[in-house]
């Protein structure tokens, strides 16, 4: 596994200067998106970016990049495509120094962008609330093969699951997802589950009842699980407005400690920092100042 390349301040300045030189008189949105693409070229892979983000210019595709194109909506080049590309770059830039992030990036290159995106979103949730964590390298052992470890003020094992877009909502589907997630963490240690759900589930009138019924049977038999963080992407009031939302369900059968309560308070609180790429663009591109 190759180490993650660094995108430092010098590279940021060079990328911004190059964008302004090659494409003069563009607006800030153009430059911000261009900066996002340059970050992905460095942190993920140049050829991956060419195939996935510029499919019309690079017709040769692999199975891995075809799946990534489907998730990013690359062939449509609409608002959702722009949002997902930009957020992927933003999150990776924010998390570039987290231990073992290179494993998540390898998963992207190997074709599991949707799963990696869920892990990146979970990591960003922790990072933006100053909760220290690392990504856990695969161990190939059930019960020890979780994705993230919160390292302070107490160790908590975190498993991340996602439902592929287009999966139908049902109590059985959600139960299987939670059971699979639980099976990946040690039974006798505090655990936290991150579940990324499709946007269409949120639009279903059955969503609240399905979650309530599922957790009603899952939580009593999962006393090592602190709670479940549901996350999803949702379109806002405008055509190009996307919101990233979450809902934390705490397990009433888990015996909290002061350290666990501290982490829960941070989990449900607001982020301590926002759009880092916007800050970088404002600091280095005239059109964004």
Foldseek 3Di string as FASTA:
>chain_A
DDAFFACDLVNLQVQQVVCCVVDPPDFLLVSLLSSLLVLCCRGANVVLSCCQQVVVVPVDDDQQSVLSNVVLVNVVPDLSNSVVSSVVSQLCNLCSPAAPVVVLSVCSVVRPPVQSVQVSVVVCLCVLLVFRKHFDDADPDWQAGATMWRDPPHTETEHEEEDPPPDDDDLVVVLVRVVSRLRRHHQPAAYEYEYEYEQVLVVDPCNVVSVVVNCVPVLVVRQSYQWYKYWYWYADDDPNRIDIDIDIDGRPSHDDDPGNVVVVVSSPDDGNDDRVSLVSSCVNHPSSD
